[in-house]
């Protein structure tokens, strides 16, 4: 499944161009800070398998005002490198590759 082009950002990781996107509005569970923030990335020129990353922060736009670190390009690049080491093949077709980095997330419930 390809990323929606609107709102995606370009990033170059080790000479390869990717696109990444953070959902602008949180899901219900992210809005209440019950589940962590997530973002997606894909190869920019030959999109295949999408990388889905769950991090250990609440969504920056959560509804309860819980403090959150923003998702920075440096964090996206680190997640892409980690996923590549774990076997993500971004140009190959297939279902999304899940990278769970939510260790340390504390739910507000």
C-alpha atoms as a PDB file:
ATOM      1  CA  UNK A   1       0.000   0.000   0.000  1.00  0.00           C
ATOM      2  CA  UNK A   2       1.467   3.345  -1.047  1.00  0.00           C
ATOM      3  CA  UNK A   3       1.579   6.459   1.093  1.00  0.00           C
ATOM      4  CA  UNK A   4      -0.758   9.316   0.376  1.00  0.00           C
ATOM      5  CA  UNK A   5       1.297  11.957  -1.417  1.00  0.00           C
ATOM      6  CA  UNK A   6      -0.322  14.905   0.350  1.00  0.00           C
ATOM      7  CA  UNK A   7       1.532  15.710   3.536  1.00  0.00           C
ATOM      8  CA  UNK A   8       4.446  13.371   2.868  1.00  0.00           C
ATOM      9  CA  UNK A   9       7.994  14.610   3.234  1.00  0.00           C
ATOM     10  CA  UNK A  10      11.112  13.671   1.315  1.00  0.00           C
ATOM     11  CA  UNK A  11      14.155  12.317   3.139  1.00  0.00           C
ATOM     12  CA  UNK A  12      17.468  10.970   1.874  1.00  0.00           C
ATOM     13  CA  UNK A  13      18.944   8.115   3.900  1.00  0.00           C
ATOM     14  CA  UNK A  14      22.397   6.869   2.894  1.00  0.00           C
ATOM     15  CA  UNK A  15      21.914   8.141  -0.668  1.00  0.00           C
ATOM     16  CA  UNK A  16      18.423   6.666  -1.183  1.00  0.00           C
ATOM     17  CA  UNK A  17      15.342   8.880  -1.395  1.00  0.00           C
ATOM     18  CA  UNK A  18      12.320   7.956   0.730  1.00  0.00           C
ATOM     19  CA  UNK A  19       9.009   9.636   1.537  1.00  0.00           C
ATOM     20  CA  UNK A  20       7.584   9.615   5.035  1.00  0.00           C
ATOM     21  CA  UNK A  21       4.377  10.790   6.619  1.00  0.00           C
ATOM     22  CA  UNK A  22       2.978  11.294  10.091  1.00  0.00           C
ATOM     23  CA  UNK A  23      -0.775  11.205  10.398  1.00  0.00           C
ATOM     24  CA  UNK A  24      -1.798  14.828  11.006  1.00  0.00           C
ATOM     25  CA  UNK A  25      -4.773  14.055  13.207  1.00  0.00           C
ATOM     26  CA  UNK A  26      -4.387  11.370  15.843  1.00  0.00           C
ATOM     27  CA  UNK A  27      -6.554   8.273  15.926  1.00  0.00           C
ATOM     28  CA  UNK A  28      -9.002   8.062  18.846  1.00  0.00           C
ATOM     29  CA  UNK A  29      -6.557   6.017  20.940  1.00  0.00           C
ATOM     30  CA  UNK A  30      -3.633   8.272  20.032  1.00  0.00           C
ATOM     31  CA  UNK A  31      -5.726  11.361  20.850  1.00  0.00           C
ATOM     32  CA  UNK A  32      -6.287  10.056  24.366  1.00  0.00           C
ATOM     33  CA  UNK A  33      -2.599   9.001  24.572  1.00  0.00           C
ATOM     34  CA  UNK A  34      -3.639   5.388  25.044  1.00  0.00           C
ATOM     35  CA  UNK A  35      -1.472   4.271  22.110  1.00  0.00           C
ATOM     36  CA  UNK A  36       1.805   5.680  20.795  1.00  0.00           C
ATOM     37  CA  UNK A  37       2.449   7.775  17.729  1.00  0.00           C
ATOM     38  CA  UNK A  38       3.161   6.059  14.410  1.00  0.00           C
ATOM     39  CA  UNK A  39       4.524   7.117  11.038  1.00  0.00           C
ATOM     40  CA  UNK A  40       5.088   5.465   7.675  1.00  0.00           C
ATOM     41  CA  UNK A  41       7.886   5.548   5.095  1.00  0.00           C
ATOM     42  CA  UNK A  42       8.423   4.171   1.611  1.00  0.00           C
ATOM     43  CA  UNK A  43      10.938   4.269  -1.226  1.00  0.00           C
ATOM     44  CA  UNK A  44      10.259   7.456  -3.203  1.00  0.00           C
ATOM     45  CA  UNK A  45      10.958   6.204  -6.732  1.00  0.00           C
ATOM     46  CA  UNK A  46       9.868   2.565  -6.554  1.00  0.00           C
ATOM     47  CA  UNK A  47       7.320   2.209  -3.755  1.00  0.00           C
ATOM     48  CA  UNK A  48       6.826  -1.383  -2.700  1.00  0.00           C
ATOM     49  CA  UNK A  49       6.584  -2.446   0.921  1.00  0.00           C
ATOM     50  CA  UNK A  50       5.642   0.402   3.265  1.00  0.00           C
ATOM     51  CA  UNK A  51       7.479   0.735   6.569  1.00  0.00           C
ATOM     52  CA  UNK A  52       5.112   1.301   9.514  1.00  0.00           C
ATOM     53  CA  UNK A  53       6.913   2.569  12.619  1.00  0.00           C
ATOM     54  CA  UNK A  54       5.385   2.789  16.093  1.00  0.00           C
ATOM     55  CA  UNK A  55       7.492   4.961  18.365  1.00  0.00           C
ATOM     56  CA  UNK A  56       7.469   5.442  22.134  1.00  0.00           C
ATOM     57  CA  UNK A  57       5.930   8.930  22.247  1.00  0.00           C
ATOM     58  CA  UNK A  58       2.335  10.107  22.369  1.00  0.00           C
ATOM     59  CA  UNK A  59       1.027  11.739  19.193  1.00  0.00           C
ATOM     60  CA  UNK A  60       2.109  15.420  19.180  1.00  0.00           C
ATOM     61  CA  UNK A  61      -1.539  16.464  18.655  1.00  0.00           C
ATOM     62  CA  UNK A  62      -3.012  14.379  21.471  1.00  0.00           C
ATOM     63  CA  UNK A  63      -6.157  15.838  23.016  1.00  0.00           C
ATOM     64  CA  UNK A  64      -5.179  15.698  26.654  1.00  0.00           C
ATOM     65  CA  UNK A  65      -2.125  17.904  26.379  1.00  0.00           C
ATOM     66  CA  UNK A  66       0.386  15.192  27.154  1.00  0.00           C
ATOM     67  CA  UNK A  67       3.880  16.371  26.289  1.00  0.00           C
ATOM     68  CA  UNK A  68       5.379  14.643  23.257  1.00  0.00           C
ATOM     69  CA  UNK A  69       8.629  14.817  21.346  1.00  0.00           C
ATOM     70  CA  UNK A  70       8.119  15.707  17.680  1.00  0.00           C
ATOM     71  CA  UNK A  71       8.923  13.156  14.983  1.00  0.00           C
ATOM     72  CA  UNK A  72      12.110  14.536  13.455  1.00  0.00           C
ATOM     73  CA  UNK A  73      13.784  13.583  10.176  1.00  0.00           C
ATOM     74  CA  UNK A  74      16.748  12.246  12.166  1.00  0.00           C
ATOM     75  CA  UNK A  75      14.416   9.811  13.941  1.00  0.00           C
ATOM     76  CA  UNK A  76      12.847   8.762  10.655  1.00  0.00           C
ATOM     77  CA  UNK A  77      16.293   8.155   9.149  1.00  0.00           C
ATOM     78  CA  UNK A  78      17.302   6.060  12.178  1.00  0.00           C
ATOM     79  CA  UNK A  79      14.099   4.003  11.872  1.00  0.00           C
ATOM     80  CA  UNK A  80      14.697   3.438   8.147  1.00  0.00           C
ATOM     81  CA  UNK A  81      18.261   2.257   8.811  1.00  0.00           C
ATOM     82  CA  UNK A  82      17.047  -0.029  11.612  1.00  0.00           C
ATOM     83  CA  UNK A  83      14.306  -1.510   9.405  1.00  0.00           C
ATOM     84  CA  UNK A  84      16.776  -2.132   6.576  1.00  0.00           C
ATOM     85  CA  UNK A  85      19.040  -4.015   9.014  1.00  0.00           C
ATOM     86  CA  UNK A  86      15.989  -6.040  10.151  1.00  0.00           C
ATOM     87  CA  UNK A  87      15.181  -7.111   6.588  1.00  0.00           C
ATOM     88  CA  UNK A  88      12.856  -4.449   5.160  1.00  0.00           C
ATOM     89  CA  UNK A  89      13.043  -4.451   1.366  1.00  0.00           C
ATOM     90  CA  UNK A  90      11.383  -1.158   0.377  1.00  0.00           C
ATOM     91  CA  UNK A  91      11.181  -1.827  -3.377  1.00  0.00           C
ATOM     92  CA  UNK A  92       9.711  -5.333  -3.090  1.00  0.00           C
ATOM     93  CA  UNK A  93       5.929  -5.726  -3.253  1.00  0.00           C
ATOM     94  CA  UNK A  94       4.162  -6.998  -0.170  1.00  0.00           C
ATOM     95  CA  UNK A  95       2.355  -6.078   2.996  1.00  0.00           C
ATOM     96  CA  UNK A  96       3.751  -3.409   5.283  1.00  0.00           C
ATOM     97  CA  UNK A  97       6.871  -3.996   7.351  1.00  0.00           C
ATOM     98  CA  UNK A  98       6.171  -3.313  11.037  1.00  0.00           C
ATOM     99  CA  UNK A  99       8.861  -1.751  13.205  1.00  0.00           C
ATOM    100  CA  UNK A 100       7.773  -1.495  16.827  1.00  0.00           C
ATOM    101  CA  UNK A 101       9.886   0.954  18.821  1.00  0.00           C
ATOM    102  CA  UNK A 102       7.297   1.567  21.522  1.00  0.00           C
ATOM    103  CA  UNK A 103       9.318   0.261  24.473  1.00  0.00           C
ATOM    104  CA  UNK A 104       8.966   2.771  27.274  1.00  0.00           C
ATOM    105  CA  UNK A 105       5.602   4.196  26.161  1.00  0.00           C
ATOM    106  CA  UNK A 106       3.256   4.768  29.080  1.00  0.00           C
ATOM    107  CA  UNK A 107      -0.444   4.900  28.314  1.00  0.00           C
ATOM    108  CA  UNK A 108      -2.567   7.656  29.876  1.00  0.00           C
ATOM    109  CA  UNK A 109      -5.345   5.205  30.782  1.00  0.00           C
END
